[in-house]
Amino acid sequence: MEFKEMVKEAFVVVGYSAPGSWGGDFAYPIPGLWEKAKEFITTDQVDQIVGVCLPPRSDDYYYTCGVEMDSVAFRRMRKDVTVHLFKKQKYVVFKHTGPSQNISATYHKLWKVFDEEGYLIEKGMPEIEVVNAHLFGKEDSGEYEMDIWIPVGEHPHA
């Protein structure tokens, strides 16, 4: 599985948030948050929807789905959204291609590559999922794509 290393400048995510769990008390809010965040495409004319997950690779997490902004116009914000600020960070970026129901298989492959390459997750930073607006409504097709950004600390082999 191919990937690339990238540095992402500090950014703000404004969106809808909920806790989730893969454990025994299964709560999976992510599809509903993506569905709700679609409104940003038409209301705010955005090109991408962004999901952030804290902490990465965890059974219990906090997920936000919304839009990335350079700054926040707080007076224009809706009452039911959350705001998160993240510092500049190095990431390894993978690409999922194909129907959205296959995303878990992509994650299985990327975590294997991540571990084989000796990367370590940077604590306190989000895992990021990015989907271009023109792909909404095509989640079941082979052309659907999602970029998956995993935050990394210093590479132990460097």
C-alpha atoms as a PDB file:
ATOM      1  CA  MET A   1       0.000   0.000   0.000  1.00  0.00           C
ATOM      2  CA  GLU A   2       1.475   3.321  -1.053  1.00  0.00           C
ATOM      3  CA  PHE A   3       1.704   6.334   1.223  1.00  0.00           C
ATOM      4  CA  LYS A   4       3.470   9.676   1.422  1.00  0.00           C
ATOM      5  CA  GLU A   5       4.823  11.784   4.254  1.00  0.00           C
ATOM      6  CA  MET A   6       3.442  15.309   4.514  1.00  0.00           C
ATOM      7  CA  VAL A   7       3.566  18.192   6.964  1.00  0.00           C
ATOM      8  CA  LYS A   8       0.224  19.853   7.580  1.00  0.00           C
ATOM      9  CA  GLU A   9       0.135  23.422   8.852  1.00  0.00           C
ATOM     10  CA  ALA A  10      -1.953  24.276  11.909  1.00  0.00           C
ATOM     11  CA  PHE A  11      -5.680  24.071  11.157  1.00  0.00           C
ATOM     12  CA  VAL A  12      -9.154  24.490  12.630  1.00  0.00           C
ATOM     13  CA  VAL A  13     -12.030  22.016  12.170  1.00  0.00           C
ATOM     14  CA  VAL A  14     -15.610  23.148  12.719  1.00  0.00           C
ATOM     15  CA  GLY A  15     -18.228  20.431  12.676  1.00  0.00           C
ATOM     16  CA  TYR A  16     -20.456  17.945  14.408  1.00  0.00           C
ATOM     17  CA  SER A  17     -18.968  15.711  17.099  1.00  0.00           C
ATOM     18  CA  ALA A  18     -19.778  12.607  19.120  1.00  0.00           C
ATOM     19  CA  PRO A  19     -17.991   9.977  21.190  1.00  0.00           C
ATOM     20  CA  GLY A  20     -17.765   6.483  19.739  1.00  0.00           C
ATOM     21  CA  SER A  21     -16.614   3.009  20.675  1.00  0.00           C
ATOM     22  CA  TRP A  22     -15.690  -0.224  18.937  1.00  0.00           C
ATOM     23  CA  GLY A  23     -15.895  -2.058  22.282  1.00  0.00           C
ATOM     24  CA  GLY A  24     -18.692  -4.041  23.913  1.00  0.00           C
ATOM     25  CA  ASP A  25     -21.000  -1.029  24.180  1.00  0.00           C
ATOM     26  CA  PHE A  26     -20.762  -0.421  20.443  1.00  0.00           C
ATOM     27  CA  ALA A  27     -21.589   3.150  19.485  1.00  0.00           C
ATOM     28  CA  TYR A  28     -20.771   4.130  15.923  1.00  0.00           C
ATOM     29  CA  PRO A  29     -21.664   7.787  15.270  1.00  0.00           C
ATOM     30  CA  ILE A  30     -19.417   8.308  12.231  1.00  0.00           C
ATOM     31  CA  PRO A  31     -21.891   7.720   9.331  1.00  0.00           C
ATOM     32  CA  GLY A  32     -24.455  10.012  10.954  1.00  0.00           C
ATOM     33  CA  LEU A  33     -21.865  12.743  11.470  1.00  0.00           C
ATOM     34  CA  TRP A  34     -20.793  12.530   7.799  1.00  0.00           C
ATOM     35  CA  GLU A  35     -24.436  12.708   6.731  1.00  0.00           C
ATOM     36  CA  LYS A  36     -25.000  15.799   8.863  1.00  0.00           C
ATOM     37  CA  ALA A  37     -21.764  17.444   7.658  1.00  0.00           C
ATOM     38  CA  LYS A  38     -22.934  17.229   4.028  1.00  0.00           C
ATOM     39  CA  GLU A  39     -24.861  20.455   4.685  1.00  0.00           C
ATOM     40  CA  PHE A  40     -21.549  22.344   4.620  1.00  0.00           C
ATOM     41  CA  ILE A  41     -21.209  21.479   0.916  1.00  0.00           C
ATOM     42  CA  THR A  42     -24.370  23.337  -0.080  1.00  0.00           C
ATOM     43  CA  THR A  43     -24.621  25.912   2.715  1.00  0.00           C
ATOM     44  CA  ASP A  44     -20.978  26.975   2.813  1.00  0.00           C
ATOM     45  CA  GLN A  45     -19.885  25.899  -0.688  1.00  0.00           C
ATOM     46  CA  VAL A  46     -16.929  23.840   0.623  1.00  0.00           C
ATOM     47  CA  ASP A  47     -14.774  21.578  -1.528  1.00  0.00           C
ATOM     48  CA  GLN A  48     -14.024  18.970   1.137  1.00  0.00           C
ATOM     49  CA  ILE A  49     -15.487  17.395   4.234  1.00  0.00           C
ATOM     50  CA  VAL A  50     -13.009  16.462   6.946  1.00  0.00           C
ATOM     51  CA  GLY A  51     -13.337  13.902   9.712  1.00  0.00           C
ATOM     52  CA  VAL A  52     -10.972  13.958  12.693  1.00  0.00           C
ATOM     53  CA  CYS A  53     -10.617  11.157  15.208  1.00  0.00           C
ATOM     54  CA  LEU A  54      -9.018  11.449  18.632  1.00  0.00           C
ATOM     55  CA  PRO A  55      -7.108   9.400  19.587  1.00  0.00           C
ATOM     56  CA  PRO A  56      -6.116   7.498  16.443  1.00  0.00           C
ATOM     57  CA  ARG A  57      -6.232   3.707  16.506  1.00  0.00           C
ATOM     58  CA  SER A  58      -8.337   3.461  19.626  1.00  0.00           C
ATOM     59  CA  ASP A  59     -11.432   1.448  20.556  1.00  0.00           C
ATOM     60  CA  ASP A  60     -12.894   4.509  22.304  1.00  0.00           C
ATOM     61  CA  TYR A  61     -12.698   7.802  20.440  1.00  0.00           C
ATOM     62  CA  TYR A  62     -14.120  11.270  19.844  1.00  0.00           C
ATOM     63  CA  TYR A  63     -14.995  11.987  16.210  1.00  0.00           C
ATOM     64  CA  THR A  64     -15.728  15.304  14.524  1.00  0.00           C
ATOM     65  CA  CYS A  65     -16.914  15.685  10.950  1.00  0.00           C
ATOM     66  CA  GLY A  66     -17.075  19.081   9.306  1.00  0.00           C
ATOM     67  CA  VAL A  67     -14.927  21.591   7.482  1.00  0.00           C
ATOM     68  CA  GLU A  68     -11.377  22.779   7.805  1.00  0.00           C
ATOM     69  CA  MET A  69     -10.870  26.525   8.145  1.00  0.00           C
ATOM     70  CA  ASP A  70      -7.896  28.857   8.324  1.00  0.00           C
ATOM     71  CA  SER A  71      -9.726  30.913  10.909  1.00  0.00           C
ATOM     72  CA  VAL A  72     -13.138  30.926  12.519  1.00  0.00           C
ATOM     73  CA  ALA A  73     -15.785  33.600  12.137  1.00  0.00           C
ATOM     74  CA  PHE A  74     -17.352  32.866  15.514  1.00  0.00           C
ATOM     75  CA  ARG A  75     -20.306  35.185  14.920  1.00  0.00           C
ATOM     76  CA  ARG A  76     -21.375  33.065  11.928  1.00  0.00           C
ATOM     77  CA  MET A  77     -21.097  29.704  13.693  1.00  0.00           C
ATOM     78  CA  ARG A  78     -24.141  27.606  14.477  1.00  0.00           C
ATOM     79  CA  LYS A  79     -24.821  26.761  18.110  1.00  0.00           C
ATOM     80  CA  ASP A  80     -24.598  23.001  17.655  1.00  0.00           C
ATOM     81  CA  VAL A  81     -21.080  22.765  16.163  1.00  0.00           C
ATOM     82  CA  THR A  82     -17.737  22.181  17.864  1.00  0.00           C
ATOM     83  CA  VAL A  83     -14.408  23.857  17.117  1.00  0.00           C
ATOM     84  CA  HIS A  84     -11.004  22.157  17.311  1.00  0.00           C
ATOM     85  CA  LEU A  85      -7.559  23.655  16.730  1.00  0.00           C
ATOM     86  CA  PHE A  86      -4.606  21.444  15.809  1.00  0.00           C
ATOM     87  CA  LYS A  87      -0.948  22.427  15.579  1.00  0.00           C
ATOM     88  CA  LYS A  88       1.426  21.867  12.669  1.00  0.00           C
ATOM     89  CA  GLN A  89       2.145  18.156  12.357  1.00  0.00           C
ATOM     90  CA  LYS A  90       3.844  15.526  10.201  1.00  0.00           C
ATOM     91  CA  TYR A  91       1.538  12.815   8.804  1.00  0.00           C
ATOM     92  CA  VAL A  92       1.730   9.706   6.664  1.00  0.00           C
ATOM     93  CA  VAL A  93      -1.092   9.853   4.125  1.00  0.00           C
ATOM     94  CA  PHE A  94      -2.824   6.806   2.632  1.00  0.00           C
ATOM     95  CA  LYS A  95      -5.612   6.692   0.049  1.00  0.00           C
ATOM     96  CA  HIS A  96      -8.743   4.564   0.235  1.00  0.00           C
ATOM     97  CA  THR A  97     -10.317   3.916  -3.173  1.00  0.00           C
ATOM     98  CA  GLY A  98     -13.579   2.064  -3.634  1.00  0.00           C
ATOM     99  CA  PRO A  99     -16.903   1.728  -1.848  1.00  0.00           C
ATOM    100  CA  SER A 100     -17.054   3.201   1.638  1.00  0.00           C
ATOM    101  CA  GLN A 101     -18.053  -0.142   3.147  1.00  0.00           C
ATOM    102  CA  ASN A 102     -14.478  -1.290   2.360  1.00  0.00           C
ATOM    103  CA  ILE A 103     -12.811   1.440   4.455  1.00  0.00           C
ATOM    104  CA  SER A 104     -12.208  -0.944   7.369  1.00  0.00           C
ATOM    105  CA  ALA A 105     -10.208  -3.240   5.044  1.00  0.00           C
ATOM    106  CA  THR A 106      -8.125  -0.227   3.959  1.00  0.00           C
ATOM    107  CA  TYR A 107      -7.450   0.622   7.600  1.00  0.00           C
ATOM    108  CA  HIS A 108      -6.374  -2.977   8.251  1.00  0.00           C
ATOM    109  CA  LYS A 109      -3.837  -2.732   5.392  1.00  0.00           C
ATOM    110  CA  LEU A 110      -2.587   0.753   6.308  1.00  0.00           C
ATOM    111  CA  TRP A 111      -1.998  -0.158   9.972  1.00  0.00           C
ATOM    112  CA  LYS A 112       0.037  -3.171   8.814  1.00  0.00           C
ATOM    113  CA  VAL A 113       2.198  -0.921   6.598  1.00  0.00           C
ATOM    114  CA  PHE A 114       2.373   1.732   9.341  1.00  0.00           C
ATOM    115  CA  ASP A 115       3.732  -0.846  11.805  1.00  0.00           C
ATOM    116  CA  GLU A 116       6.078  -2.482   9.281  1.00  0.00           C
ATOM    117  CA  GLU A 117       7.606   0.915   8.462  1.00  0.00           C
ATOM    118  CA  GLY A 118       8.196   1.532  12.170  1.00  0.00           C
ATOM    119  CA  TYR A 119       6.055   4.641  12.519  1.00  0.00           C
ATOM    120  CA  LEU A 120       4.747   5.788  15.884  1.00  0.00           C
ATOM    121  CA  ILE A 121       1.520   7.754  16.382  1.00  0.00           C
ATOM    122  CA  GLU A 122       2.017  11.302  17.658  1.00  0.00           C
ATOM    123  CA  LYS A 123      -0.046  11.471  20.834  1.00  0.00           C
ATOM    124  CA  GLY A 124      -2.608  14.263  21.114  1.00  0.00           C
ATOM    125  CA  MET A 125      -2.918  14.719  17.356  1.00  0.00           C
ATOM    126  CA  PRO A 126      -5.868  13.607  15.212  1.00  0.00           C
ATOM    127  CA  GLU A 127      -6.238  11.014  12.550  1.00  0.00           C
ATOM    128  CA  ILE A 128      -7.797  12.866   9.600  1.00  0.00           C
ATOM    129  CA  GLU A 129     -10.117  11.622   6.847  1.00  0.00           C
ATOM    130  CA  VAL A 130     -10.715  13.873   3.823  1.00  0.00           C
ATOM    131  CA  VAL A 131     -13.352  13.432   1.102  1.00  0.00           C
ATOM    132  CA  ASN A 132     -13.815  15.818  -1.818  1.00  0.00           C
ATOM    133  CA  ALA A 133     -17.330  17.240  -2.081  1.00  0.00           C
ATOM    134  CA  HIS A 134     -17.929  15.910  -5.611  1.00  0.00           C
ATOM    135  CA  LEU A 135     -17.673  12.334  -4.265  1.00  0.00           C
ATOM    136  CA  PHE A 136     -20.654  12.652  -1.909  1.00  0.00           C
ATOM    137  CA  GLY A 137     -23.445  10.435  -3.153  1.00  0.00           C
ATOM    138  CA  LYS A 138     -20.874   8.059  -4.696  1.00  0.00           C
ATOM    139  CA  GLU A 139     -19.996   6.221  -1.458  1.00  0.00           C
ATOM    140  CA  ASP A 140     -21.064   2.870  -2.946  1.00  0.00           C
ATOM    141  CA  SER A 141     -19.091   3.263  -6.183  1.00  0.00           C
ATOM    142  CA  GLY A 142     -15.594   2.242  -7.186  1.00  0.00           C
ATOM    143  CA  GLU A 143     -14.626   5.872  -7.777  1.00  0.00           C
ATOM    144  CA  TYR A 144     -15.143   6.909  -4.131  1.00  0.00           C
ATOM    145  CA  GLU A 145     -11.911   8.083  -2.486  1.00  0.00           C
ATOM    146  CA  MET A 146     -10.821   9.150   0.964  1.00  0.00           C
ATOM    147  CA  ASP A 147      -7.399  10.376   2.064  1.00  0.00           C
ATOM    148  CA  ILE A 148      -6.420   9.075   5.500  1.00  0.00           C
ATOM    149  CA  TRP A 149      -3.826  11.079   7.433  1.00  0.00           C
ATOM    150  CA  ILE A 150      -2.089   9.413  10.392  1.00  0.00           C
ATOM    151  CA  PRO A 151      -0.063  11.710  12.720  1.00  0.00           C
ATOM    152  CA  VAL A 152       3.501  10.505  13.265  1.00  0.00           C
ATOM    153  CA  GLY A 153       6.256  11.317  15.714  1.00  0.00           C
ATOM    154  CA  GLU A 154       9.920  10.991  14.946  1.00  0.00           C
ATOM    155  CA  HIS A 155      10.604   7.986  12.725  1.00  0.00           C
ATOM    156  CA  PRO A 156      12.650   5.523  14.798  1.00  0.00           C
ATOM    157  CA  HIS A 157      14.727   4.498  11.753  1.00  0.00           C
ATOM    158  CA  ALA A 158      15.730   8.070  10.852  1.00  0.00           C
END
